[in-house]
Amino acid sequence: MVQLEGVGRRIIAAIKEQIHSGAYQPGDRLPSTRAFAAEWGASRTTVTAAYGQLIAEGYLVTRAGARPVVAHGLSVRGTSTPAPVAAVHRLSGFARRLLDLPPPAPLRSFKVADLRYGDLAGADFPVQPWRRALTRVTLSRRERLRYGDPQGALDLRAALQGYLWRARGILCSPEDIVIVNGSQQGLDLCARLLLDPGDPFLMENPGYTLARHAFVAAGGRAVPIPVDADGLCTDAMPPGRLVYVTPSHQFPLGGVLSATRRRALLAWAVASGAHVVEDDYDGEYRHDIAPIPPLQTLGPQSVIYVGTVSKTLSPTLRLGYLVLPAGLARVFAEAKRVTDRHAPLLEQEALADLLASGAYERHVRSIRRKNAERRGVLLQALSARCGASVSVEGADTGLHVVVWINGVAADREIEIVEAARSAGLGLHPVSPLYDPEAPKPETAGFILGYAALDSDTLRRGVALLASVLAGLR
């Protein structure tokens, strides 16, 4: 088979153009390969290959011993090309709901620091343990390369079972676990499998925007529930098909769901026949005492536990997992199969290796210490530079804090963001995390992520923040 290079491709393009323009009409015979080669200064082999490609694409037809003929139906002499019209695409309700969602904020670079939540420091990634794990699983090649179990690699599910018991007190079986492409896919599966269009879902307010988007895209109707220092307010909760909560570290305000409210929430779920979707997005990080046990440990038959390695290893790996109540794993695995077959097997096996060797837990202990140090630097800098002009919330756990700007109205958040951006600082307001239909806070507030920054950068960032705030007075 001849590989068509520049001349052959130009010949093909020229013949197509002549057919489309009407210079060659259906039924016209093309020159012989010898004549065409002489005209173009090309070899007969190249011309023959070009003709063969056009025959394969349906532009030409041929029979043995005859020159190729332009296929019928490609052009009609004297017919003008119709004016292009805008395509009308008939979209599903799901697609229309997606288009109604607000677009993501563009990623930007900042000269001094970006306090965006969710990023980790590249230097904290365990390069050597991960490389060794990848090498081991790559060298232990299977005899046959095939698709895997949509529920996830059994080795990883078994390793997660042990880890979840040791680290989070969750008692489950590998058959209860489904591996997903990051916690966001887990939330999307919950939305599509548990909600029908028009169904109400309860949501912390403020809360994780992409969780709300997943449930709304599935047709759910958001019912915002306020939060306070003790997490979700569980008194007088209305009916719903599910409730989304972050009980170990409410996102973004940082409250921990109290024991009384945990029991009230589970009682509501049982009485309503609803599921509780527990997003334990950064439960490994508790800076004053041991991590708070998940809600799942109190109500395994009502709670869908959503876990991830995005806050411990890297958000680029796109690995997460669901711990499901008995009877749900099959339908979630089937949904996973028709969505994308399964999560990437090589990364699954490498993570299983890290867990089995103990390297993952050693890494978690190390990164927990590093982020506790960053937290201390941030809090000290805020106290020294901003003092009483700010109030800090949610500093006891997680990888971010919320800073309220005392005496400054929330409608000045955009002004502060723009001033900070001009100075080289990335600031991200709290207001967009509130439900669009619910009241917004009266005071300007910002969510400050610190896990991607070193101590000096954090200090410079807070100094810039203080300078920006001083300019408001």
Protein backbone atom coordinates (compact mmCIF):
# COMPACT_ATOMS: atom_id res chain seq x y z
CA MET A 1 0.00 0.00 0.00
CA VAL A 2 1.47 3.36 -1.09
CA GLN A 3 1.56 6.06 1.58
CA LEU A 4 0.30 9.27 -0.02
CA GLU A 5 2.64 12.18 0.58
CA GLY A 6 2.44 15.83 -0.47
CA VAL A 7 2.09 15.40 -4.27
CA GLY A 8 -0.47 12.61 -3.96
CA ARG A 9 -2.56 14.63 -1.51
CA ARG A 10 -2.45 17.66 -3.81
CA ILE A 11 -3.64 15.51 -6.72
CA ILE A 12 -6.56 14.23 -4.65
CA ALA A 13 -7.47 17.76 -3.54
CA ALA A 14 -7.31 19.06 -7.12
CA ILE A 15 -9.57 16.30 -8.48
CA LYS A 16 -12.11 16.79 -5.67
CA GLU A 17 -12.14 20.54 -6.35
CA GLN A 18 -12.76 19.94 -10.07
CA ILE A 19 -15.62 17.56 -9.25
CA HIS A 20 -17.21 19.98 -6.78
CA SER A 21 -16.84 22.94 -9.15
CA GLY A 22 -18.40 21.02 -12.04
CA ALA A 23 -15.25 20.84 -14.17
CA TYR A 24 -15.64 17.06 -13.93
CA GLN A 25 -19.23 15.91 -14.27
CA PRO A 26 -20.73 12.54 -13.27
CA GLY A 27 -19.77 10.01 -15.93
CA ASP A 28 -16.70 11.95 -17.15
CA ARG A 29 -13.59 9.85 -17.54
CA LEU A 30 -10.36 10.99 -15.95
CA PRO A 31 -7.09 11.00 -17.87
CA SER A 32 -5.03 7.84 -17.84
CA THR A 33 -2.51 7.52 -15.06
CA ARG A 34 0.28 8.01 -17.62
CA ALA A 35 -1.21 11.26 -18.94
CA PHE A 36 -2.03 12.62 -15.49
CA ALA A 37 1.48 11.76 -14.23
CA ALA A 38 3.03 13.62 -17.17
CA GLU A 39 0.78 16.66 -16.55
CA TRP A 40 1.69 16.83 -12.87
CA GLY A 41 5.29 15.76 -13.11
CA ALA A 42 4.56 12.89 -10.73
CA SER A 43 5.17 9.17 -10.89
CA ARG A 44 2.46 6.84 -12.20
CA THR A 45 2.64 5.04 -8.84
CA THR A 46 1.62 8.23 -7.04
CA VAL A 47 -1.23 8.94 -9.46
CA THR A 48 -2.46 5.35 -9.27
CA ALA A 49 -2.49 5.59 -5.46
CA ALA A 50 -4.39 8.91 -5.61
CA TYR A 51 -6.98 7.40 -7.98
CA GLY A 52 -7.28 4.42 -5.63
CA GLN A 53 -7.96 6.68 -2.67
CA LEU A 54 -10.67 8.57 -4.59
CA ILE A 55 -12.24 5.26 -5.60
CA ALA A 56 -12.22 4.14 -1.95
CA GLU A 57 -13.91 7.41 -0.90
CA GLY A 58 -16.61 7.02 -3.56
CA TYR A 59 -15.60 9.91 -5.82
CA LEU A 60 -14.61 7.64 -8.70
CA VAL A 61 -15.78 4.28 -10.03
CA THR A 62 -13.78 1.98 -12.23
CA ARG A 63 -13.72 -1.36 -13.95
CA ALA A 64 -10.82 -3.48 -15.10
CA GLY A 65 -8.92 -2.08 -18.08
CA ALA A 66 -10.80 1.25 -18.18
CA ARG A 67 -10.04 4.72 -16.95
CA PRO A 68 -11.86 5.80 -13.76
CA VAL A 69 -15.19 7.62 -14.11
CA VAL A 70 -16.63 10.36 -11.85
CA ALA A 71 -19.34 8.80 -9.67
CA HIS A 72 -22.95 9.85 -10.15
CA GLY A 73 -24.63 12.09 -7.59
CA LEU A 74 -21.63 14.30 -6.81
CA SER A 75 -22.35 17.27 -9.07
CA VAL A 76 -24.99 18.47 -11.51
CA ARG A 77 -24.02 20.88 -14.32
CA GLY A 78 -25.61 24.29 -13.93
CA THR A 79 -26.78 23.77 -10.36
CA SER A 80 -25.66 26.57 -8.07
CA THR A 81 -24.35 25.83 -4.63
CA PRO A 82 -27.05 26.63 -2.07
CA ALA A 83 -26.30 29.38 0.39
CA PRO A 84 -25.13 27.99 3.73
CA VAL A 85 -27.72 28.04 6.48
CA ALA A 86 -27.21 27.78 10.21
CA ALA A 87 -27.59 24.20 11.39
CA VAL A 88 -30.50 23.50 13.70
CA HIS A 89 -29.61 20.84 16.27
CA ARG A 90 -32.40 19.16 18.15
CA LEU A 91 -31.03 18.71 21.65
CA SER A 92 -32.34 16.59 24.49
CA GLY A 93 -33.67 18.11 27.68
CA PHE A 94 -30.44 17.05 29.39
CA ALA A 95 -28.39 18.97 26.80
CA ARG A 96 -30.55 22.08 27.16
CA ARG A 97 -30.21 21.98 30.93
CA LEU A 98 -26.43 21.74 30.56
CA LEU A 99 -26.40 24.83 28.34
CA ASP A 100 -28.44 26.71 30.95
CA LEU A 101 -25.72 26.21 33.57
CA PRO A 102 -23.26 29.07 34.11
CA PRO A 103 -19.96 28.52 32.27
CA PRO A 104 -16.81 27.76 34.24
CA ALA A 105 -14.54 30.62 35.16
CA PRO A 106 -11.51 30.82 32.85
CA LEU A 107 -8.21 29.61 34.25
CA ARG A 108 -5.77 32.46 34.75
CA SER A 109 -2.17 32.89 35.79
CA PHE A 110 -1.27 35.35 38.53
CA LYS A 111 2.07 37.04 39.01
CA VAL A 112 2.29 36.63 42.78
CA ALA A 113 -0.14 33.93 43.97
CA ASP A 114 -3.41 32.23 43.16
CA LEU A 115 -5.45 31.33 46.25
CA ARG A 116 -7.78 29.10 44.26
CA TYR A 117 -9.13 26.14 46.20
CA GLY A 118 -8.62 22.59 44.90
CA ASP A 119 -5.05 22.83 43.62
CA LEU A 120 -2.20 20.86 45.20
CA ALA A 121 1.53 21.57 45.13
CA GLY A 122 3.23 19.63 42.37
CA ALA A 123 6.23 19.11 44.66
CA ASP A 124 4.02 17.18 47.11
CA PHE A 125 3.17 14.44 44.63
CA PRO A 126 4.92 11.14 45.59
CA VAL A 127 6.81 10.81 42.32
CA GLN A 128 9.09 7.92 43.25
CA PRO A 129 6.45 5.67 44.91
CA TRP A 130 4.01 6.33 42.06
CA ARG A 131 6.65 5.62 39.43
CA ARG A 132 7.63 2.37 41.15
CA ALA A 133 3.99 1.32 41.36
CA LEU A 134 3.38 2.14 37.70
CA THR A 135 6.52 0.25 36.69
CA ARG A 136 5.49 -2.84 38.65
CA VAL A 137 2.01 -2.98 37.17
CA THR A 138 3.27 -2.21 33.67
CA LEU A 139 5.88 -4.97 33.77
CA SER A 140 3.38 -7.51 35.07
CA ARG A 141 1.62 -7.47 31.71
CA ARG A 142 -1.37 -9.68 31.28
CA GLU A 143 -1.26 -12.29 28.52
CA ARG A 144 -4.26 -10.59 26.96
CA LEU A 145 -5.15 -6.87 26.98
CA ARG A 146 -8.87 -6.55 27.53
CA TYR A 147 -11.53 -4.33 29.03
CA GLY A 148 -11.87 -4.54 32.79
CA ASP A 149 -14.66 -4.77 35.31
CA PRO A 150 -16.82 -1.60 35.13
CA GLN A 151 -17.12 -1.75 38.93
CA GLY A 152 -13.36 -1.31 39.18
CA ALA A 153 -10.28 -3.49 39.53
CA LEU A 154 -10.82 -6.03 42.31
CA ASP A 155 -7.30 -5.44 43.68
CA LEU A 156 -8.07 -1.74 44.14
CA ARG A 157 -11.49 -2.33 45.67
CA ALA A 158 -9.98 -4.81 48.14
CA ALA A 159 -7.16 -2.39 49.01
CA LEU A 160 -9.67 0.45 49.49
CA GLN A 161 -11.76 -1.74 51.77
CA GLY A 162 -8.80 -2.11 54.13
CA TYR A 163 -7.79 1.54 53.89
CA LEU A 164 -11.30 2.84 54.55
CA TRP A 165 -11.56 0.70 57.66
CA ARG A 166 -8.17 1.82 59.00
CA ALA A 167 -8.41 5.51 58.08
CA ARG A 168 -12.13 6.32 58.16
CA GLY A 169 -13.76 3.54 60.19
CA ILE A 170 -15.93 2.40 57.26
CA LEU A 171 -16.89 -1.27 57.33
CA CYS A 172 -17.71 -2.46 53.82
CA SER A 173 -17.02 -5.20 51.27
CA PRO A 174 -15.19 -4.83 47.94
CA GLU A 175 -18.55 -5.59 46.35
CA ASP A 176 -19.94 -2.36 47.84
CA ILE A 177 -17.28 -0.21 46.11
CA VAL A 178 -17.45 1.24 42.59
CA ILE A 179 -14.39 3.00 41.13
CA VAL A 180 -15.19 6.21 39.24
CA ASN A 181 -13.30 8.85 37.27
CA GLY A 182 -13.06 11.28 40.16
CA SER A 183 -15.77 12.17 42.65
CA GLN A 184 -17.51 14.34 40.04
CA GLN A 185 -18.40 11.27 38.00
CA GLY A 186 -19.66 9.65 41.18
CA LEU A 187 -21.99 12.62 41.75
CA ASP A 188 -23.15 12.48 38.13
CA LEU A 189 -23.99 8.78 38.48
CA CYS A 190 -25.94 9.51 41.68
CA ALA A 191 -27.87 12.23 39.86
CA ARG A 192 -28.78 10.09 36.86
CA LEU A 193 -29.63 6.97 38.84
CA LEU A 194 -31.53 8.53 41.76
CA LEU A 195 -33.33 11.54 40.25
CA ASP A 196 -36.08 11.85 37.66
CA PRO A 197 -36.85 15.24 36.07
CA GLY A 198 -38.72 17.38 38.55
CA ASP A 199 -37.57 15.48 41.64
CA PRO A 200 -36.46 17.69 44.55
CA PHE A 201 -32.97 17.32 45.97
CA LEU A 202 -31.72 19.02 49.13
CA MET A 203 -28.45 20.87 48.97
CA GLU A 204 -26.24 22.65 51.48
CA ASN A 205 -26.33 26.40 50.94
CA PRO A 206 -23.67 27.53 50.30
CA GLY A 207 -22.33 24.36 48.77
CA TYR A 208 -20.30 22.68 46.07
CA THR A 209 -21.39 24.18 42.76
CA LEU A 210 -20.57 21.20 40.54
CA ALA A 211 -22.67 18.90 42.74
CA ARG A 212 -25.63 21.22 42.26
CA HIS A 213 -24.92 21.32 38.52
CA ALA A 214 -24.86 17.51 38.26
CA PHE A 215 -28.23 17.17 40.00
CA VAL A 216 -29.82 20.05 38.06
CA ALA A 217 -28.55 18.66 34.74
CA ALA A 218 -30.33 15.39 35.54
CA GLY A 219 -33.55 17.36 35.92
CA GLY A 220 -33.56 17.68 39.70
CA ARG A 221 -35.08 20.68 41.46
CA ALA A 222 -32.72 22.24 44.00
CA VAL A 223 -33.99 22.90 47.52
CA PRO A 224 -31.31 24.95 49.33
CA ILE A 225 -30.88 24.21 53.04
CA PRO A 226 -28.94 26.71 55.19
CA VAL A 227 -25.83 25.76 57.13
CA ASP A 228 -24.22 27.11 60.28
CA ALA A 229 -21.25 26.24 62.50
CA ASP A 230 -22.77 22.77 63.10
CA GLY A 231 -23.26 22.01 59.42
CA LEU A 232 -26.56 21.40 57.63
CA CYS A 233 -29.61 22.71 59.50
CA THR A 234 -31.73 19.57 59.85
CA ASP A 235 -34.80 21.01 61.57
CA ALA A 236 -37.93 21.05 59.38
CA MET A 237 -36.25 19.52 56.30
CA PRO A 238 -38.73 19.22 53.40
CA PRO A 239 -39.18 15.97 51.43
CA GLY A 240 -36.66 15.11 48.74
CA ARG A 241 -35.24 12.21 46.75
CA LEU A 242 -31.71 12.83 48.03
CA VAL A 243 -29.65 15.24 50.07
CA TYR A 244 -26.06 16.21 49.30
CA VAL A 245 -23.87 16.93 52.35
CA THR A 246 -20.22 17.43 53.31
CA PRO A 247 -20.55 16.50 57.01
CA SER A 248 -16.87 16.14 57.93
CA HIS A 249 -15.99 19.58 56.56
CA GLN A 250 -18.87 21.60 55.15
CA PHE A 251 -17.89 23.13 51.85
CA PRO A 252 -17.06 25.96 51.87
CA LEU A 253 -17.73 27.30 55.39
CA GLY A 254 -16.00 24.46 57.25
CA GLY A 255 -18.58 23.41 59.85
CA VAL A 256 -18.68 19.82 61.12
CA LEU A 257 -22.13 18.21 61.23
CA SER A 258 -22.95 17.69 64.90
CA ALA A 259 -23.85 14.28 66.33
CA THR A 260 -27.44 15.39 66.95
CA ARG A 261 -27.86 16.58 63.38
CA ARG A 262 -26.24 13.45 61.97
CA ARG A 263 -28.88 11.31 63.64
CA ALA A 264 -31.65 13.70 62.61
CA LEU A 265 -30.46 13.61 59.00
CA LEU A 266 -30.39 9.81 58.91
CA ALA A 267 -33.85 9.66 60.49
CA TRP A 268 -35.11 12.04 57.78
CA ALA A 269 -33.58 9.82 55.07
CA VAL A 270 -35.28 6.69 56.44
CA ALA A 271 -38.64 8.45 56.83
CA SER A 272 -38.43 9.99 53.33
CA GLY A 273 -37.05 6.93 51.55
CA ALA A 274 -34.23 9.19 50.39
CA HIS A 275 -30.49 8.72 49.98
CA VAL A 276 -27.79 10.79 51.64
CA VAL A 277 -24.88 11.57 49.30
CA GLU A 278 -21.90 12.15 51.57
CA ASP A 279 -18.99 13.88 49.85
CA ASP A 280 -15.88 13.28 51.98
CA TYR A 281 -13.77 15.41 49.68
CA ASP A 282 -10.94 16.22 52.12
CA GLY A 283 -11.73 14.13 55.21
CA GLU A 284 -8.08 13.16 55.69
CA TYR A 285 -7.23 16.69 56.82
CA ARG A 286 -8.13 17.48 60.42
CA HIS A 287 -5.58 19.76 62.05
CA ASP A 288 -6.56 19.74 65.72
CA ILE A 289 -7.87 16.22 66.43
CA ALA A 290 -8.30 12.93 64.59
CA PRO A 291 -10.38 13.09 61.36
CA ILE A 292 -14.15 13.06 61.95
CA PRO A 293 -15.76 9.65 61.22
CA PRO A 294 -17.96 9.69 58.13
CA LEU A 295 -21.74 9.79 58.32
CA GLN A 296 -21.71 6.47 56.46
CA THR A 297 -20.54 4.67 59.58
CA LEU A 298 -23.87 5.52 61.26
CA GLY A 299 -26.19 4.71 58.35
CA PRO A 300 -24.60 2.48 55.72
CA GLN A 301 -27.98 1.59 54.20
CA SER A 302 -28.96 5.22 53.64
CA VAL A 303 -25.63 6.83 52.79
CA ILE A 304 -23.71 6.83 49.51
CA TYR A 305 -20.13 7.67 50.46
CA VAL A 306 -18.12 9.57 47.83
CA GLY A 307 -14.32 9.45 48.15
CA THR A 308 -11.43 10.71 46.04
CA VAL A 309 -7.64 10.89 45.83
CA SER A 310 -7.80 14.37 44.25
CA LYS A 311 -6.92 16.05 47.56
CA THR A 312 -4.21 13.57 48.57
CA LEU A 313 -2.47 12.56 45.33
CA SER A 314 -3.59 14.74 42.43
CA PRO A 315 -6.80 15.97 40.77
CA THR A 316 -5.20 15.06 37.43
CA LEU A 317 -5.46 11.32 38.16
CA ARG A 318 -9.28 11.37 38.02
CA LEU A 319 -9.71 8.51 40.47
CA GLY A 320 -12.51 8.33 42.99
CA TYR A 321 -14.81 5.74 44.51
CA LEU A 322 -18.29 5.20 45.86
CA VAL A 323 -19.19 3.04 48.85
CA LEU A 324 -22.79 2.04 48.18
CA PRO A 325 -25.62 0.62 50.26
CA ALA A 326 -26.33 -3.06 49.64
CA GLY A 327 -28.18 -3.62 46.37
CA LEU A 328 -26.97 -0.51 44.54
CA ALA A 329 -23.56 -1.62 43.25
CA ARG A 330 -24.98 -3.49 40.25
CA VAL A 331 -26.91 -0.57 38.78
CA PHE A 332 -24.01 1.85 39.41
CA ALA A 333 -21.59 -0.57 37.73
CA GLU A 334 -23.94 -0.91 34.76
CA ALA A 335 -24.19 2.87 34.45
CA LYS A 336 -20.41 3.06 34.62
CA ARG A 337 -20.13 0.44 31.87
CA VAL A 338 -22.34 2.32 29.41
CA THR A 339 -20.72 5.65 30.29
CA ASP A 340 -17.04 4.82 29.74
CA ARG A 341 -16.55 1.06 30.33
CA HIS A 342 -14.35 1.59 33.40
CA ALA A 343 -11.79 3.91 34.97
CA PRO A 344 -8.23 3.63 33.55
CA LEU A 345 -6.86 0.24 34.61
CA LEU A 346 -3.19 1.15 34.82
CA GLU A 347 -3.86 3.95 37.32
CA GLN A 348 -6.25 1.72 39.27
CA GLU A 349 -3.63 -0.99 39.62
CA ALA A 350 -0.92 1.53 40.54
CA LEU A 351 -3.13 2.99 43.28
CA ALA A 352 -3.88 -0.53 44.54
CA ASP A 353 -0.12 -1.12 44.73
CA LEU A 354 0.41 2.11 46.71
CA LEU A 355 -2.32 1.14 49.15
CA ALA A 356 -1.12 -2.43 49.58
CA SER A 357 2.50 -1.38 50.17
CA GLY A 358 1.61 1.27 52.76
CA ALA A 359 3.13 4.01 50.59
CA TYR A 360 -0.20 5.79 50.22
CA GLU A 361 -0.78 6.13 53.96
CA ARG A 362 2.80 7.29 54.51
CA HIS A 363 2.22 9.92 51.84
CA VAL A 364 -1.06 11.03 53.47
CA ARG A 365 0.69 11.50 56.82
CA SER A 366 3.44 13.51 55.13
CA ILE A 367 1.13 15.76 53.11
CA ARG A 368 -1.10 16.27 56.16
CA ARG A 369 1.92 17.67 58.06
CA LYS A 370 2.91 19.90 55.14
CA ASN A 371 -0.56 21.33 54.76
CA ALA A 372 -0.87 21.88 58.51
CA GLU A 373 2.30 23.98 58.25
CA ARG A 374 0.86 25.95 55.30
CA ARG A 375 -2.35 26.50 57.27
CA GLY A 376 -0.33 27.88 60.20
CA VAL A 377 1.58 30.26 57.94
CA LEU A 378 -1.65 31.49 56.32
CA LEU A 379 -3.44 32.07 59.63
CA GLN A 380 -0.43 33.85 61.15
CA ALA A 381 -0.09 36.06 58.08
CA LEU A 382 -3.81 36.92 58.10
CA SER A 383 -3.60 37.85 61.79
CA ALA A 384 -0.46 39.93 61.35
CA ARG A 385 -1.39 41.69 58.11
CA CYS A 386 -5.18 41.94 58.21
CA GLY A 387 -5.95 41.81 61.91
CA ALA A 388 -9.49 42.76 62.88
CA SER A 389 -10.41 43.72 59.32
CA VAL A 390 -11.15 40.06 58.54
CA SER A 391 -12.86 37.11 60.21
CA VAL A 392 -11.63 33.60 59.45
CA GLU A 393 -14.01 30.64 59.26
CA GLY A 394 -13.47 26.91 58.79
CA ALA A 395 -9.78 26.72 59.67
CA ASP A 396 -9.85 23.54 61.77
CA THR A 397 -9.93 21.09 58.88
CA GLY A 398 -9.50 20.81 55.12
CA LEU A 399 -7.30 22.70 52.68
CA HIS A 400 -8.92 26.14 52.66
CA VAL A 401 -10.35 28.83 54.90
CA VAL A 402 -13.09 31.38 54.30
CA VAL A 403 -12.22 35.00 55.03
CA TRP A 404 -15.00 37.53 55.60
CA ILE A 405 -14.08 41.19 55.06
CA ASN A 406 -15.59 42.97 58.05
CA GLY A 407 -17.61 46.05 57.23
CA VAL A 408 -17.41 45.51 53.46
CA ALA A 409 -20.63 44.68 51.58
CA ALA A 410 -20.83 41.55 49.44
CA ASP A 411 -21.58 43.62 46.34
CA ARG A 412 -17.97 44.83 46.44
CA GLU A 413 -16.54 41.33 45.93
CA ILE A 414 -16.01 41.85 42.19
CA GLU A 415 -14.27 45.17 42.84
CA ILE A 416 -11.91 43.43 45.30
CA VAL A 417 -11.28 40.56 42.89
CA GLU A 418 -10.36 42.97 40.08
CA ALA A 419 -8.07 45.02 42.31
CA ALA A 420 -6.33 41.87 43.52
CA ARG A 421 -5.97 40.58 39.97
CA SER A 422 -4.35 43.83 38.88
CA ALA A 423 -1.86 43.40 41.70
CA GLY A 424 -1.08 39.79 40.70
CA LEU A 425 -3.26 37.94 43.24
CA GLY A 426 -5.98 35.42 42.44
CA LEU A 427 -8.99 35.80 44.77
CA HIS A 428 -12.18 33.76 44.58
CA PRO A 429 -15.43 34.98 46.16
CA VAL A 430 -17.84 32.91 48.24
CA SER A 431 -21.06 34.35 46.77
CA PRO A 432 -21.14 32.13 43.64
CA LEU A 433 -21.33 29.07 45.93
CA TYR A 434 -24.77 30.14 47.17
CA ASP A 435 -27.92 28.89 45.44
CA PRO A 436 -29.02 31.41 42.79
CA GLU A 437 -32.53 31.49 44.25
CA ALA A 438 -31.45 31.87 47.89
CA PRO A 439 -30.31 34.98 49.78
CA LYS A 440 -26.63 35.84 49.48
CA PRO A 441 -24.39 36.86 52.42
CA GLU A 442 -24.31 40.54 53.24
CA THR A 443 -20.55 40.62 53.85
CA ALA A 444 -17.86 40.16 51.21
CA GLY A 445 -16.11 36.82 51.61
CA PHE A 446 -13.42 34.82 49.86
CA ILE A 447 -12.34 31.19 49.88
CA LEU A 448 -8.56 30.92 50.28
CA GLY A 449 -6.91 27.68 49.22
CA TYR A 450 -3.39 27.14 50.46
CA ALA A 451 -2.36 23.57 49.53
CA ALA A 452 -0.61 24.57 46.29
CA LEU A 453 1.55 27.37 47.73
CA ASP A 454 4.78 27.51 49.69
CA SER A 455 5.18 29.61 52.83
CA ASP A 456 6.81 32.61 51.17
CA THR A 457 4.13 32.76 48.46
CA LEU A 458 1.39 32.58 51.07
CA ARG A 459 2.93 35.48 53.00
CA ARG A 460 3.28 37.58 49.84
CA GLY A 461 -0.29 36.76 48.83
CA VAL A 462 -1.69 37.81 52.21
CA ALA A 463 0.39 40.99 52.12
CA LEU A 464 -1.16 41.84 48.76
CA LEU A 465 -4.62 41.05 50.10
CA ALA A 466 -4.05 43.40 53.02
CA SER A 467 -2.89 46.11 50.61
CA VAL A 468 -5.98 45.68 48.44
CA LEU A 469 -8.28 45.84 51.47
CA ALA A 470 -6.51 48.94 52.77
CA GLY A 471 -7.32 50.65 49.51
CA LEU A 472 -11.05 50.11 50.12
CA ARG A 473 -11.22 52.07 53.34
